[in-house]
Amino acid sequence: MVSNVSGDTRIGVIVLRLRIEHTYSRMRSQRRAFRNVERHVLSRYQATLLPSGEHQLHISYRSEHDLNELMDDLLFEIAGEAQMSGCYSETEARMEGSDRQW
């Protein structure tokens, strides 16, 4: 789903499936990494947790190329935040109302 905010800016509704696993056997680091991703990364996109366990994000972009770069940066940032807690992330993202996936 895409809505126009102004002439050049659009808002894409992105559904993100986020899975964080611990690299070693420390469950506490896994929960901490998940909370840190929600707090430091996803909160910038008005993230809401859906009943399915996925996150719904609202991303402002100007062009399809811009959106692809924003999504690449977002997924890279999620991976980095997880890695700081000794974890790794597996993510799948899709834009509502389209067949776009990252």
N, C-alpha and C. Protein backbone atom coordinates (compact mmCIF):
# COMPACT_ATOMS: atom_id res chain seq x y z
N MET A 1 0.84 -1.17 0.00
CA MET A 1 0.00 0.00 0.00
C MET A 1 0.89 1.24 0.00
N VAL A 2 0.58 2.17 -0.88
CA VAL A 2 1.36 3.39 -1.00
C VAL A 2 0.39 4.57 -0.94
N SER A 3 0.75 5.57 -0.17
CA SER A 3 -0.06 6.79 -0.14
C SER A 3 0.85 7.98 -0.39
N ASN A 4 0.32 8.99 -1.05
CA ASN A 4 1.08 10.20 -1.33
C ASN A 4 0.96 11.16 -0.17
N VAL A 5 2.09 11.65 0.30
CA VAL A 5 2.10 12.64 1.37
C VAL A 5 2.16 14.03 0.74
N SER A 6 3.09 14.22 -0.18
CA SER A 6 3.16 15.44 -0.95
C SER A 6 3.43 15.03 -2.39
N GLY A 7 3.64 15.98 -3.26
CA GLY A 7 3.83 15.67 -4.67
C GLY A 7 4.89 14.62 -4.95
N ASP A 8 6.05 14.72 -4.30
CA ASP A 8 7.15 13.81 -4.59
C ASP A 8 7.33 12.70 -3.56
N THR A 9 6.78 12.87 -2.39
CA THR A 9 7.01 11.92 -1.31
C THR A 9 5.84 10.96 -1.17
N ARG A 10 6.18 9.68 -1.05
CA ARG A 10 5.17 8.64 -0.85
C ARG A 10 5.49 7.90 0.44
N ILE A 11 4.47 7.28 1.01
CA ILE A 11 4.64 6.45 2.20
C ILE A 11 4.31 5.01 1.81
N GLY A 12 5.27 4.13 2.00
CA GLY A 12 5.06 2.72 1.74
C GLY A 12 4.83 1.99 3.06
N VAL A 13 3.82 1.12 3.07
CA VAL A 13 3.55 0.30 4.25
C VAL A 13 4.27 -1.03 4.03
N ILE A 14 5.24 -1.28 4.88
CA ILE A 14 6.11 -2.45 4.77
C ILE A 14 5.81 -3.40 5.93
N VAL A 15 5.67 -4.67 5.61
CA VAL A 15 5.50 -5.70 6.64
C VAL A 15 6.81 -6.45 6.73
N LEU A 16 7.39 -6.45 7.92
CA LEU A 16 8.71 -7.02 8.16
C LEU A 16 8.60 -8.22 9.08
N ARG A 17 9.10 -9.34 8.61
CA ARG A 17 9.21 -10.54 9.46
C ARG A 17 10.65 -10.57 9.95
N LEU A 18 10.81 -10.49 11.26
CA LEU A 18 12.13 -10.39 11.88
C LEU A 18 12.37 -11.58 12.79
N ARG A 19 13.47 -12.23 12.55
CA ARG A 19 13.88 -13.34 13.41
C ARG A 19 15.32 -13.09 13.83
N ILE A 20 15.55 -13.14 15.12
CA ILE A 20 16.90 -12.96 15.65
C ILE A 20 17.28 -14.21 16.41
N GLU A 21 18.41 -14.75 16.06
CA GLU A 21 18.92 -15.97 16.70
C GLU A 21 20.26 -15.66 17.33
N HIS A 22 20.54 -16.36 18.41
CA HIS A 22 21.81 -16.18 19.09
C HIS A 22 22.88 -17.00 18.38
N THR A 23 24.04 -16.41 18.23
CA THR A 23 25.15 -17.09 17.59
C THR A 23 25.68 -18.18 18.52
N TYR A 24 25.70 -17.88 19.79
CA TYR A 24 26.11 -18.84 20.80
C TYR A 24 24.86 -19.19 21.60
N SER A 25 24.94 -19.82 22.69
CA SER A 25 23.75 -20.25 23.43
C SER A 25 23.36 -19.29 24.55
N ARG A 26 23.26 -18.01 24.25
CA ARG A 26 22.89 -17.03 25.27
C ARG A 26 21.54 -16.44 24.92
N MET A 27 20.50 -16.95 25.52
CA MET A 27 19.15 -16.50 25.23
C MET A 27 18.93 -15.04 25.61
N ARG A 28 19.57 -14.59 26.66
CA ARG A 28 19.39 -13.22 27.11
C ARG A 28 19.84 -12.24 26.01
N SER A 29 20.93 -12.57 25.32
CA SER A 29 21.42 -11.68 24.27
C SER A 29 20.44 -11.63 23.10
N GLN A 30 19.74 -12.71 22.86
CA GLN A 30 18.75 -12.75 21.78
C GLN A 30 17.60 -11.80 22.08
N ARG A 31 17.07 -11.84 23.28
CA ARG A 31 15.98 -10.94 23.67
C ARG A 31 16.45 -9.48 23.67
N ARG A 32 17.65 -9.26 24.15
CA ARG A 32 18.20 -7.90 24.17
C ARG A 32 18.36 -7.37 22.75
N ALA A 33 18.87 -8.20 21.85
CA ALA A 33 19.05 -7.77 20.46
C ALA A 33 17.71 -7.43 19.82
N PHE A 34 16.69 -8.23 20.07
CA PHE A 34 15.36 -7.98 19.51
C PHE A 34 14.81 -6.65 20.03
N ARG A 35 14.92 -6.43 21.33
CA ARG A 35 14.45 -5.16 21.92
C ARG A 35 15.23 -3.97 21.36
N ASN A 36 16.55 -4.12 21.20
CA ASN A 36 17.36 -3.04 20.67
C ASN A 36 16.99 -2.71 19.22
N VAL A 37 16.72 -3.72 18.43
CA VAL A 37 16.29 -3.48 17.04
C VAL A 37 14.96 -2.72 17.05
N GLU A 38 14.02 -3.15 17.87
CA GLU A 38 12.74 -2.45 17.94
C GLU A 38 12.92 -1.01 18.41
N ARG A 39 13.73 -0.81 19.43
CA ARG A 39 13.90 0.51 20.03
C ARG A 39 14.72 1.46 19.16
N HIS A 40 15.84 0.99 18.61
CA HIS A 40 16.79 1.88 17.94
C HIS A 40 16.62 1.95 16.43
N VAL A 41 16.01 0.95 15.84
CA VAL A 41 15.90 0.93 14.38
C VAL A 41 14.45 1.07 13.94
N LEU A 42 13.59 0.16 14.36
CA LEU A 42 12.22 0.14 13.85
C LEU A 42 11.38 1.31 14.33
N SER A 43 11.69 1.86 15.48
CA SER A 43 10.89 2.95 16.04
C SER A 43 10.89 4.18 15.13
N ARG A 44 11.92 4.35 14.31
CA ARG A 44 11.97 5.50 13.39
C ARG A 44 10.93 5.40 12.29
N TYR A 45 10.35 4.23 12.11
CA TYR A 45 9.38 4.00 11.03
C TYR A 45 7.98 3.74 11.57
N GLN A 46 7.67 4.27 12.74
CA GLN A 46 6.36 4.10 13.38
C GLN A 46 5.95 2.62 13.37
N ALA A 47 6.87 1.77 13.77
CA ALA A 47 6.65 0.33 13.75
C ALA A 47 5.58 -0.08 14.75
N THR A 48 4.71 -0.96 14.30
CA THR A 48 3.72 -1.57 15.19
C THR A 48 3.86 -3.08 15.05
N LEU A 49 3.68 -3.76 16.15
CA LEU A 49 3.75 -5.22 16.17
C LEU A 49 2.37 -5.77 15.82
N LEU A 50 2.30 -6.55 14.77
CA LEU A 50 1.04 -7.14 14.33
C LEU A 50 0.76 -8.43 15.10
N PRO A 51 -0.50 -8.86 15.16
CA PRO A 51 -0.82 -10.12 15.85
C PRO A 51 -0.05 -11.33 15.31
N SER A 52 0.38 -11.26 14.05
CA SER A 52 1.14 -12.35 13.44
C SER A 52 2.59 -12.41 13.95
N GLY A 53 3.02 -11.37 14.70
CA GLY A 53 4.39 -11.30 15.16
C GLY A 53 5.28 -10.50 14.21
N GLU A 54 4.73 -10.08 13.09
CA GLU A 54 5.46 -9.26 12.14
C GLU A 54 5.35 -7.79 12.56
N HIS A 55 6.21 -6.96 12.01
CA HIS A 55 6.18 -5.53 12.27
C HIS A 55 5.66 -4.81 11.03
N GLN A 56 4.83 -3.82 11.24
CA GLN A 56 4.37 -2.98 10.15
C GLN A 56 5.09 -1.63 10.26
N LEU A 57 5.73 -1.22 9.16
CA LEU A 57 6.51 0.02 9.12
C LEU A 57 5.92 0.97 8.09
N HIS A 58 6.12 2.24 8.29
CA HIS A 58 5.71 3.27 7.33
C HIS A 58 6.98 4.00 6.89
N ILE A 59 7.35 3.79 5.63
CA ILE A 59 8.60 4.33 5.11
C ILE A 59 8.30 5.39 4.06
N SER A 60 8.87 6.56 4.28
CA SER A 60 8.72 7.68 3.36
C SER A 60 9.83 7.60 2.30
N TYR A 61 9.44 7.70 1.02
CA TYR A 61 10.42 7.63 -0.06
C TYR A 61 9.95 8.47 -1.24
N ARG A 62 10.88 8.75 -2.16
CA ARG A 62 10.57 9.58 -3.32
C ARG A 62 10.48 8.79 -4.62
N SER A 63 11.30 7.75 -4.75
CA SER A 63 11.32 6.96 -5.99
C SER A 63 11.52 5.49 -5.63
N GLU A 64 11.32 4.64 -6.61
CA GLU A 64 11.52 3.20 -6.40
C GLU A 64 12.98 2.92 -6.03
N HIS A 65 13.89 3.61 -6.67
CA HIS A 65 15.32 3.45 -6.36
C HIS A 65 15.60 3.88 -4.92
N ASP A 66 15.01 5.00 -4.52
CA ASP A 66 15.14 5.50 -3.15
C ASP A 66 14.62 4.46 -2.15
N LEU A 67 13.48 3.87 -2.44
CA LEU A 67 12.90 2.86 -1.55
C LEU A 67 13.82 1.65 -1.43
N ASN A 68 14.36 1.19 -2.54
CA ASN A 68 15.28 0.05 -2.49
C ASN A 68 16.50 0.35 -1.63
N GLU A 69 17.06 1.55 -1.77
CA GLU A 69 18.21 1.92 -0.95
C GLU A 69 17.84 2.01 0.53
N LEU A 70 16.68 2.60 0.83
CA LEU A 70 16.23 2.68 2.22
C LEU A 70 16.04 1.29 2.83
N MET A 71 15.47 0.38 2.07
CA MET A 71 15.26 -0.98 2.57
C MET A 71 16.59 -1.71 2.78
N ASP A 72 17.52 -1.54 1.84
CA ASP A 72 18.85 -2.14 2.00
C ASP A 72 19.52 -1.62 3.27
N ASP A 73 19.45 -0.30 3.48
CA ASP A 73 20.04 0.30 4.68
C ASP A 73 19.36 -0.22 5.95
N LEU A 74 18.03 -0.32 5.91
CA LEU A 74 17.28 -0.80 7.07
C LEU A 74 17.68 -2.23 7.43
N LEU A 75 17.73 -3.11 6.45
CA LEU A 75 18.07 -4.51 6.72
C LEU A 75 19.52 -4.64 7.19
N PHE A 76 20.41 -3.82 6.64
CA PHE A 76 21.80 -3.81 7.07
C PHE A 76 21.91 -3.34 8.52
N GLU A 77 21.15 -2.31 8.86
CA GLU A 77 21.16 -1.77 10.23
C GLU A 77 20.61 -2.78 11.23
N ILE A 78 19.57 -3.50 10.86
CA ILE A 78 19.02 -4.55 11.71
C ILE A 78 20.08 -5.62 11.97
N ALA A 79 20.75 -6.05 10.91
CA ALA A 79 21.79 -7.07 11.05
C ALA A 79 22.91 -6.59 11.96
N GLY A 80 23.31 -5.34 11.82
CA GLY A 80 24.38 -4.79 12.66
C GLY A 80 23.98 -4.71 14.11
N GLU A 81 22.75 -4.29 14.38
CA GLU A 81 22.26 -4.20 15.76
C GLU A 81 22.23 -5.59 16.41
N ALA A 82 21.79 -6.59 15.66
CA ALA A 82 21.76 -7.96 16.18
C ALA A 82 23.19 -8.46 16.45
N GLN A 83 24.08 -8.15 15.54
CA GLN A 83 25.46 -8.61 15.68
C GLN A 83 26.14 -8.03 16.91
N MET A 84 25.79 -6.81 17.29
CA MET A 84 26.39 -6.20 18.49
C MET A 84 26.04 -6.97 19.76
N SER A 85 24.98 -7.77 19.71
CA SER A 85 24.60 -8.59 20.87
C SER A 85 24.99 -10.04 20.68
N GLY A 86 25.84 -10.33 19.71
CA GLY A 86 26.28 -11.70 19.48
C GLY A 86 25.22 -12.55 18.81
N CYS A 87 24.36 -11.92 18.01
CA CYS A 87 23.26 -12.62 17.34
C CYS A 87 23.33 -12.35 15.85
N TYR A 88 22.45 -13.02 15.12
CA TYR A 88 22.29 -12.72 13.69
C TYR A 88 20.79 -12.60 13.42
N SER A 89 20.48 -11.89 12.35
CA SER A 89 19.07 -11.67 12.02
C SER A 89 18.72 -12.29 10.68
N GLU A 90 17.49 -12.73 10.58
CA GLU A 90 16.92 -13.18 9.32
C GLU A 90 15.66 -12.35 9.11
N THR A 91 15.59 -11.65 8.01
CA THR A 91 14.47 -10.75 7.77
C THR A 91 13.85 -11.01 6.40
N GLU A 92 12.57 -10.79 6.34
CA GLU A 92 11.83 -10.78 5.08
C GLU A 92 10.93 -9.56 5.14
N ALA A 93 10.92 -8.78 4.07
CA ALA A 93 10.09 -7.58 4.05
C ALA A 93 9.29 -7.57 2.75
N ARG A 94 8.06 -7.08 2.84
CA ARG A 94 7.22 -6.95 1.66
C ARG A 94 6.38 -5.68 1.77
N MET A 95 6.09 -5.09 0.64
CA MET A 95 5.26 -3.89 0.63
C MET A 95 3.81 -4.32 0.46
N GLU A 96 2.96 -3.84 1.36
CA GLU A 96 1.53 -4.17 1.27
C GLU A 96 0.96 -3.62 -0.03
N GLY A 97 0.11 -4.39 -0.64
CA GLY A 97 -0.56 -3.95 -1.86
C GLY A 97 0.28 -4.05 -3.11
N SER A 98 1.43 -4.71 -3.02
CA SER A 98 2.28 -4.89 -4.20
C SER A 98 2.98 -6.24 -4.09
N ASP A 99 3.76 -6.56 -5.10
CA ASP A 99 4.53 -7.81 -5.07
C ASP A 99 6.00 -7.56 -4.74
N ARG A 100 6.32 -6.36 -4.24
CA ARG A 100 7.70 -6.01 -3.90
C ARG A 100 8.14 -6.71 -2.63
N GLN A 101 9.34 -7.28 -2.67
CA GLN A 101 9.91 -7.98 -1.52
C GLN A 101 11.40 -7.69 -1.42
N TRP A 102 11.90 -7.74 -0.20
CA TRP A 102 13.34 -7.57 0.03
C TRP A 102 13.82 -8.66 0.95
